[in-house]
Structure formats: C-alpha cells, structure tokens
C-alpha cells in the first residue's frame, strides 16, 4: 500500500481495489480475517516521532 498524508485533519483514507490486490497473497477469500494497524509519524507527538493506531480486525463473509 502506498504512503498517505493525513494533513491537518489527522484523518486518512486508503482505497482498496478488490479486483487488483497489492500482491497475490493479499486476495480476499470468504471466511478469512485480516488484522491491520496503522503506523504513523508524528514529529510533534513526543521524542520518538511515531506511533501506532488501535488494532483493526476485519472478517470477510460470503
């Protein structure tokens, strides 16, 4: 997936083309579950300069 910029709103949207996965192992199969987390840079957010979002679990049904 590509790098995205949240801008001043702090909100990010990443489109996912269901017909063209980013890699062959990224195909969506009915009954599968994906787990995801967003890693982001935050230069003003403290000494480390980055953080992680809450985890997200997505289950795909038929």
PDB file of N, CA and C in Angstrom:
ATOM      1  N   UNK A   1       0.841  -1.171   0.000  1.00  0.00           N
ATOM      2  CA  UNK A   1       0.000   0.000   0.000  1.00  0.00           C
ATOM      3  C   UNK A   1       0.889   1.237   0.000  1.00  0.00           C
ATOM      4  N   UNK A   2       0.355   2.268  -0.537  1.00  0.00           N
ATOM      5  CA  UNK A   2       1.148   3.483  -0.686  1.00  0.00           C
ATOM      6  C   UNK A   2       1.131   4.337   0.580  1.00  0.00           C
ATOM      7  N   UNK A   3       2.066   5.256   0.637  1.00  0.00           N
ATOM      8  CA  UNK A   3       2.144   6.219   1.731  1.00  0.00           C
ATOM      9  C   UNK A   3       1.033   7.239   1.542  1.00  0.00           C
ATOM     10  N   UNK A   4       0.373   7.604   2.631  1.00  0.00           N
ATOM     11  CA  UNK A   4      -0.695   8.601   2.574  1.00  0.00           C
ATOM     12  C   UNK A   4      -0.411   9.695   3.596  1.00  0.00           C
ATOM     13  N   UNK A   5      -0.960  10.867   3.352  1.00  0.00           N
ATOM     14  CA  UNK A   5      -0.772  12.007   4.241  1.00  0.00           C
ATOM     15  C   UNK A   5      -2.118  12.380   4.839  1.00  0.00           C
ATOM     16  N   UNK A   6      -2.162  12.535   6.150  1.00  0.00           N
ATOM     17  CA  UNK A   6      -3.422  12.864   6.816  1.00  0.00           C
ATOM     18  C   UNK A   6      -3.757  14.342   6.734  1.00  0.00           C
ATOM     19  N   UNK A   7      -2.753  15.181   6.509  1.00  0.00           N
ATOM     20  CA  UNK A   7      -2.998  16.618   6.507  1.00  0.00           C
ATOM     21  C   UNK A   7      -3.354  17.093   7.905  1.00  0.00           C
ATOM     22  N   UNK A   8      -3.842  18.303   8.032  1.00  0.00           N
ATOM     23  CA  UNK A   8      -4.113  18.863   9.358  1.00  0.00           C
ATOM     24  C   UNK A   8      -5.291  18.206  10.080  1.00  0.00           C
ATOM     25  N   UNK A   9      -6.141  17.478   9.360  1.00  0.00           N
ATOM     26  CA  UNK A   9      -7.312  16.863   9.999  1.00  0.00           C
ATOM     27  C   UNK A   9      -6.959  15.622  10.814  1.00  0.00           C
ATOM     28  N   UNK A  10      -5.809  14.996  10.508  1.00  0.00           N
ATOM     29  CA  UNK A  10      -5.423  13.776  11.203  1.00  0.00           C
ATOM     30  C   UNK A  10      -6.212  12.559  10.757  1.00  0.00           C
ATOM     31  N   UNK A  11      -6.888  12.643   9.625  1.00  0.00           N
ATOM     32  CA  UNK A  11      -7.718  11.554   9.119  1.00  0.00           C
ATOM     33  C   UNK A  11      -7.129  11.016   7.819  1.00  0.00           C
ATOM     34  N   UNK A  12      -7.112   9.692   7.685  1.00  0.00           N
ATOM     35  CA  UNK A  12      -6.547   9.060   6.498  1.00  0.00           C
ATOM     36  C   UNK A  12      -7.576   8.119   5.879  1.00  0.00           C
ATOM     37  N   UNK A  13      -7.652   8.124   4.562  1.00  0.00           N
ATOM     38  CA  UNK A  13      -8.498   7.184   3.831  1.00  0.00           C
ATOM     39  C   UNK A  13      -7.610   6.469   2.815  1.00  0.00           C
ATOM     40  N   UNK A  14      -7.651   5.137   2.830  1.00  0.00           N
ATOM     41  CA  UNK A  14      -6.865   4.341   1.893  1.00  0.00           C
ATOM     42  C   UNK A  14      -7.821   3.450   1.111  1.00  0.00           C
ATOM     43  N   UNK A  15      -7.952   3.698  -0.164  1.00  0.00           N
ATOM     44  CA  UNK A  15      -8.842   2.884  -1.002  1.00  0.00           C
ATOM     45  C   UNK A  15      -8.227   1.508  -1.228  1.00  0.00           C
ATOM     46  N   UNK A  16      -9.063   0.506  -1.340  1.00  0.00           N
ATOM     47  CA  UNK A  16      -8.625  -0.857  -1.598  1.00  0.00           C
ATOM     48  C   UNK A  16      -9.394  -1.384  -2.802  1.00  0.00           C
ATOM     49  N   UNK A  17      -8.681  -1.662  -3.877  1.00  0.00           N
ATOM     50  CA  UNK A  17      -9.302  -2.190  -5.094  1.00  0.00           C
ATOM     51  C   UNK A  17      -9.458  -3.700  -4.934  1.00  0.00           C
ATOM     52  N   UNK A  18     -10.677  -4.149  -4.746  1.00  0.00           N
ATOM     53  CA  UNK A  18     -10.941  -5.570  -4.504  1.00  0.00           C
ATOM     54  C   UNK A  18     -10.621  -6.448  -5.712  1.00  0.00           C
ATOM     55  N   UNK A  19     -10.513  -5.867  -6.905  1.00  0.00           N
ATOM     56  CA  UNK A  19     -10.223  -6.654  -8.105  1.00  0.00           C
ATOM     57  C   UNK A  19      -8.737  -6.721  -8.422  1.00  0.00           C
ATOM     58  N   UNK A  20      -7.927  -5.926  -7.738  1.00  0.00           N
ATOM     59  CA  UNK A  20      -6.497  -5.876  -8.020  1.00  0.00           C
ATOM     60  C   UNK A  20      -5.720  -5.732  -6.714  1.00  0.00           C
ATOM     61  N   UNK A  21      -5.533  -6.851  -5.964  1.00  0.00           N
ATOM     62  CA  UNK A  21      -4.832  -6.762  -4.683  1.00  0.00           C
ATOM     63  C   UNK A  21      -3.380  -6.335  -4.876  1.00  0.00           C
ATOM     64  N   UNK A  22      -2.774  -5.703  -3.856  1.00  0.00           N
ATOM     65  CA  UNK A  22      -1.398  -5.237  -3.979  1.00  0.00           C
ATOM     66  C   UNK A  22      -0.388  -6.367  -4.191  1.00  0.00           C
ATOM     67  N   UNK A  23      -0.723  -7.574  -3.755  1.00  0.00           N
ATOM     68  CA  UNK A  23       0.115  -8.744  -4.001  1.00  0.00           C
ATOM     69  C   UNK A  23      -0.782  -9.977  -4.014  1.00  0.00           C
ATOM     70  N   UNK A  24      -0.321 -11.067  -4.596  1.00  0.00           N
ATOM     71  CA  UNK A  24      -1.182 -12.248  -4.750  1.00  0.00           C
ATOM     72  C   UNK A  24      -1.629 -12.811  -3.411  1.00  0.00           C
ATOM     73  N   UNK A  25      -0.811 -12.683  -2.367  1.00  0.00           N
ATOM     74  CA  UNK A  25      -1.204 -13.190  -1.051  1.00  0.00           C
ATOM     75  C   UNK A  25      -2.220 -12.275  -0.378  1.00  0.00           C
ATOM     76  N   UNK A  26      -2.526 -11.130  -0.991  1.00  0.00           N
ATOM     77  CA  UNK A  26      -3.478 -10.192  -0.422  1.00  0.00           C
ATOM     78  C   UNK A  26      -4.887 -10.362  -0.937  1.00  0.00           C
ATOM     79  N   UNK A  27      -5.159 -11.469  -1.614  1.00  0.00           N
ATOM     80  CA  UNK A  27      -6.505 -11.694  -2.141  1.00  0.00           C
ATOM     81  C   UNK A  27      -7.479 -11.932  -0.993  1.00  0.00           C
ATOM     82  N   UNK A  28      -8.689 -11.415  -1.154  1.00  0.00           N
ATOM     83  CA  UNK A  28      -9.713 -11.583  -0.132  1.00  0.00           C
ATOM     84  C   UNK A  28     -10.461 -12.880  -0.405  1.00  0.00           C
ATOM     85  N   UNK A  29     -10.478 -13.749   0.592  1.00  0.00           N
ATOM     86  CA  UNK A  29     -11.141 -15.042   0.481  1.00  0.00           C
ATOM     87  C   UNK A  29     -12.264 -15.078   1.510  1.00  0.00           C
ATOM     88  N   UNK A  30     -13.450 -15.511   1.089  1.00  0.00           N
ATOM     89  CA  UNK A  30     -14.583 -15.604   2.017  1.00  0.00           C
ATOM     90  C   UNK A  30     -14.197 -16.437   3.230  1.00  0.00           C
ATOM     91  N   UNK A  31     -14.523 -15.939   4.415  1.00  0.00           N
ATOM     92  CA  UNK A  31     -14.197 -16.630   5.654  1.00  0.00           C
ATOM     93  C   UNK A  31     -12.853 -16.230   6.239  1.00  0.00           C
ATOM     94  N   UNK A  32     -12.068 -15.431   5.501  1.00  0.00           N
ATOM     95  CA  UNK A  32     -10.763 -15.019   6.017  1.00  0.00           C
ATOM     96  C   UNK A  32     -10.898 -13.803   6.928  1.00  0.00           C
ATOM     97  N   UNK A  33      -9.886 -13.605   7.751  1.00  0.00           N
ATOM     98  CA  UNK A  33      -9.839 -12.465   8.661  1.00  0.00           C
ATOM     99  C   UNK A  33      -8.512 -11.755   8.476  1.00  0.00           C
ATOM    100  N   UNK A  34      -8.564 -10.442   8.352  1.00  0.00           N
ATOM    101  CA  UNK A  34      -7.353  -9.623   8.253  1.00  0.00           C
ATOM    102  C   UNK A  34      -7.215  -8.813   9.530  1.00  0.00           C
ATOM    103  N   UNK A  35      -5.994  -8.656   9.975  1.00  0.00           N
ATOM    104  CA  UNK A  35      -5.688  -7.791  11.106  1.00  0.00           C
ATOM    105  C   UNK A  35      -4.784  -6.685  10.591  1.00  0.00           C
ATOM    106  N   UNK A  36      -5.069  -5.461  10.999  1.00  0.00           N
ATOM    107  CA  UNK A  36      -4.298  -4.325  10.488  1.00  0.00           C
ATOM    108  C   UNK A  36      -4.029  -3.321  11.599  1.00  0.00           C
ATOM    109  N   UNK A  37      -3.000  -2.545  11.381  1.00  0.00           N
ATOM    110  CA  UNK A  37      -2.659  -1.460  12.290  1.00  0.00           C
ATOM    111  C   UNK A  37      -1.972  -0.385  11.469  1.00  0.00           C
ATOM    112  N   UNK A  38      -2.207   0.853  11.821  1.00  0.00           N
ATOM    113  CA  UNK A  38      -1.663   1.985  11.082  1.00  0.00           C
ATOM    114  C   UNK A  38      -0.455   2.542  11.822  1.00  0.00           C
ATOM    115  N   UNK A  39       0.668   2.639  11.142  1.00  0.00           N
ATOM    116  CA  UNK A  39       1.880   3.220  11.713  1.00  0.00           C
ATOM    117  C   UNK A  39       2.013   4.619  11.156  1.00  0.00           C
ATOM    118  N   UNK A  40       2.200   5.588  12.025  1.00  0.00           N
ATOM    119  CA  UNK A  40       2.276   6.963  11.533  1.00  0.00           C
ATOM    120  C   UNK A  40       3.362   7.761  12.236  1.00  0.00           C
ATOM    121  N   UNK A  41       3.854   8.748  11.499  1.00  0.00           N
ATOM    122  CA  UNK A  41       4.846   9.667  12.058  1.00  0.00           C
ATOM    123  C   UNK A  41       4.116  10.846  12.679  1.00  0.00           C
ATOM    124  N   UNK A  42       4.625  11.297  13.803  1.00  0.00           N
ATOM    125  CA  UNK A  42       4.060  12.454  14.487  1.00  0.00           C
ATOM    126  C   UNK A  42       5.220  13.257  15.066  1.00  0.00           C
ATOM    127  N   UNK A  43       5.829  14.132  14.252  1.00  0.00           N
ATOM    128  CA  UNK A  43       7.010  14.868  14.699  1.00  0.00           C
ATOM    129  C   UNK A  43       6.780  15.683  15.969  1.00  0.00           C
ATOM    130  N   UNK A  44       5.551  16.136  16.191  1.00  0.00           N
ATOM    131  CA  UNK A  44       5.298  16.948  17.385  1.00  0.00           C
ATOM    132  C   UNK A  44       4.717  16.114  18.524  1.00  0.00           C
ATOM    133  N   UNK A  45       4.642  14.806  18.366  1.00  0.00           N
ATOM    134  CA  UNK A  45       3.993  13.951  19.353  1.00  0.00           C
ATOM    135  C   UNK A  45       4.897  13.367  20.416  1.00  0.00           C
ATOM    136  N   UNK A  46       6.099  13.846  20.560  1.00  0.00           N
ATOM    137  CA  UNK A  46       6.993  13.318  21.582  1.00  0.00           C
ATOM    138  C   UNK A  46       8.352  12.979  21.010  1.00  0.00           C
ATOM    139  N   UNK A  47       9.220  12.426  21.856  1.00  0.00           N
ATOM    140  CA  UNK A  47      10.612  12.194  21.443  1.00  0.00           C
ATOM    141  C   UNK A  47      10.796  11.122  20.371  1.00  0.00           C
ATOM    142  N   UNK A  48       9.903  10.141  20.265  1.00  0.00           N
ATOM    143  CA  UNK A  48      10.105   9.074  19.276  1.00  0.00           C
ATOM    144  C   UNK A  48       9.641   9.466  17.882  1.00  0.00           C
ATOM    145  N   UNK A  49       8.680  10.367  17.767  1.00  0.00           N
ATOM    146  CA  UNK A  49       8.255  10.870  16.462  1.00  0.00           C
ATOM    147  C   UNK A  49       7.326   9.972  15.671  1.00  0.00           C
ATOM    148  N   UNK A  50       6.852   8.857  16.261  1.00  0.00           N
ATOM    149  CA  UNK A  50       5.899   7.992  15.566  1.00  0.00           C
ATOM    150  C   UNK A  50       4.998   7.313  16.589  1.00  0.00           C
ATOM    151  N   UNK A  51       3.939   6.690  16.097  1.00  0.00           N
ATOM    152  CA  UNK A  51       3.018   5.976  16.970  1.00  0.00           C
ATOM    153  C   UNK A  51       2.227   4.970  16.144  1.00  0.00           C
ATOM    154  N   UNK A  52       1.388   4.187  16.803  1.00  0.00           N
ATOM    155  CA  UNK A  52       0.554   3.180  16.156  1.00  0.00           C
ATOM    156  C   UNK A  52      -0.914   3.426  16.476  1.00  0.00           C
ATOM    157  N   UNK A  53      -1.779   3.112  15.522  1.00  0.00           N
ATOM    158  CA  UNK A  53      -3.223   3.201  15.763  1.00  0.00           C
ATOM    159  C   UNK A  53      -3.663   2.009  16.606  1.00  0.00           C
ATOM    160  N   UNK A  54      -4.923   2.009  16.987  1.00  0.00           N
ATOM    161  CA  UNK A  54      -5.511   0.817  17.589  1.00  0.00           C
ATOM    162  C   UNK A  54      -5.569  -0.269  16.522  1.00  0.00           C
ATOM    163  N   UNK A  55      -5.611  -1.509  16.956  1.00  0.00           N
ATOM    164  CA  UNK A  55      -5.696  -2.624  16.015  1.00  0.00           C
ATOM    165  C   UNK A  55      -7.082  -2.679  15.384  1.00  0.00           C
ATOM    166  N   UNK A  56      -7.135  -3.227  14.188  1.00  0.00           N
ATOM    167  CA  UNK A  56      -8.396  -3.367  13.461  1.00  0.00           C
ATOM    168  C   UNK A  56      -8.480  -4.800  12.948  1.00  0.00           C
ATOM    169  N   UNK A  57      -9.603  -5.463  13.194  1.00  0.00           N
ATOM    170  CA  UNK A  57      -9.818  -6.833  12.716  1.00  0.00           C
ATOM    171  C   UNK A  57     -10.999  -6.812  11.753  1.00  0.00           C
ATOM    172  N   UNK A  58     -10.794  -7.364  10.554  1.00  0.00           N
ATOM    173  CA  UNK A  58     -11.827  -7.371   9.523  1.00  0.00           C
ATOM    174  C   UNK A  58     -12.096  -8.818   9.113  1.00  0.00           C
ATOM    175  N   UNK A  59     -13.342  -9.253   9.251  1.00  0.00           N
ATOM    176  CA  UNK A  59     -13.737 -10.601   8.827  1.00  0.00           C
ATOM    177  C   UNK A  59     -14.544 -10.488   7.541  1.00  0.00           C
ATOM    178  N   UNK A  60     -14.185 -11.286   6.555  1.00  0.00           N
ATOM    179  CA  UNK A  60     -14.858 -11.262   5.255  1.00  0.00           C
ATOM    180  C   UNK A  60     -15.803 -12.452   5.148  1.00  0.00           C
ATOM    181  N   UNK A  61     -17.050 -12.165   4.842  1.00  0.00           N
ATOM    182  CA  UNK A  61     -18.087 -13.199   4.707  1.00  0.00           C
ATOM    183  C   UNK A  61     -18.453 -13.356   3.238  1.00  0.00           C
ATOM    184  N   UNK A  62     -19.192 -14.394   2.944  1.00  0.00           N
ATOM    185  CA  UNK A  62     -19.651 -14.611   1.565  1.00  0.00           C
ATOM    186  C   UNK A  62     -20.710 -13.620   1.185  1.00  0.00           C
TER     187      UNK A  62
END
